[in-house]
Amino acid sequence: MKYLFFFLLFCFSIQITAQELNCTVTVDATRINTAQVSEKAIFVNLEKAIRQFMIDREWTNDQF
């Protein structure tokens, strides 16, 4: 009986919170040689694309 009380107390004390993401994405291309990649703008575009994906994606069905 004592274990049941603690189990129920534990189950009802858990607070469930959810939120959509608000993230910052940084692509660090300092270790890439310019001989390997001719255009550094590729990394800027990658950074923007990842950020846009993370922010625009609906990770839950909740409406905010």
Protein backbone atom coordinates (compact mmCIF):
# COMPACT_ATOMS: atom_id res chain seq x y z
CA MET A 1 0.00 0.00 0.00
CA LYS A 2 2.87 2.34 0.80
CA TYR A 3 4.41 1.70 -2.62
CA LEU A 4 1.13 2.39 -4.35
CA PHE A 5 0.92 5.77 -2.61
CA PHE A 6 4.43 6.73 -3.74
CA PHE A 7 3.77 5.47 -7.25
CA LEU A 8 0.58 7.54 -7.55
CA LEU A 9 2.30 10.55 -6.02
CA PHE A 10 5.10 10.23 -8.57
CA CYS A 11 2.70 9.83 -11.50
CA PHE A 12 0.61 12.85 -10.62
CA SER A 13 3.54 15.09 -9.77
CA ILE A 14 5.15 14.92 -13.19
CA GLN A 15 4.64 18.14 -15.08
CA ILE A 16 4.54 17.73 -18.81
CA THR A 17 5.52 20.76 -20.84
CA ALA A 18 5.94 21.08 -24.56
CA GLN A 19 6.93 23.90 -26.80
CA GLU A 20 7.86 24.55 -30.36
CA LEU A 21 11.50 25.24 -31.03
CA ASN A 22 13.15 28.62 -31.19
CA CYS A 23 16.71 27.77 -32.08
CA THR A 24 19.91 29.35 -33.27
CA VAL A 25 21.95 27.52 -35.88
CA THR A 26 25.61 28.26 -36.53
CA VAL A 27 27.66 26.49 -39.17
CA ASP A 28 31.36 26.90 -38.41
CA ALA A 29 33.30 26.48 -41.64
CA THR A 30 36.65 27.75 -40.39
CA ARG A 31 38.26 24.31 -40.63
CA ILE A 32 37.35 23.91 -44.30
CA ASN A 33 40.11 24.90 -46.70
CA THR A 34 39.22 27.29 -49.47
CA ALA A 35 40.72 24.78 -51.89
CA GLN A 36 38.05 22.27 -50.88
CA VAL A 37 35.12 24.65 -51.23
CA SER A 38 35.16 27.48 -53.71
CA GLU A 39 32.10 29.29 -52.36
CA LYS A 40 31.68 29.96 -48.66
CA ALA A 41 28.10 31.06 -49.38
CA ILE A 42 27.18 27.38 -49.39
CA PHE A 43 27.61 27.32 -45.61
CA VAL A 44 25.53 30.46 -45.16
CA ASN A 45 22.77 28.88 -47.23
CA LEU A 46 23.06 25.65 -45.22
CA GLU A 47 22.77 27.60 -41.97
CA LYS A 48 19.67 29.42 -43.20
CA ALA A 49 18.07 26.22 -44.49
CA ILE A 50 18.59 24.34 -41.23
CA ARG A 51 17.28 27.26 -39.16
CA GLN A 52 14.24 27.62 -41.40
CA PHE A 53 13.54 23.88 -41.20
CA MET A 54 13.79 23.83 -37.41
CA ILE A 55 11.57 26.89 -36.94
CA ASP A 56 8.94 26.14 -39.61
CA ARG A 57 8.55 22.45 -38.79
CA GLU A 58 5.53 21.65 -36.64
CA TRP A 59 6.90 19.20 -34.09
CA THR A 60 3.53 18.86 -32.34
CA ASN A 61 -0.12 19.27 -33.21
CA ASP A 62 -0.53 22.06 -30.65
CA GLN A 63 -1.68 25.46 -31.83
CA PHE A 64 0.12 28.47 -30.33
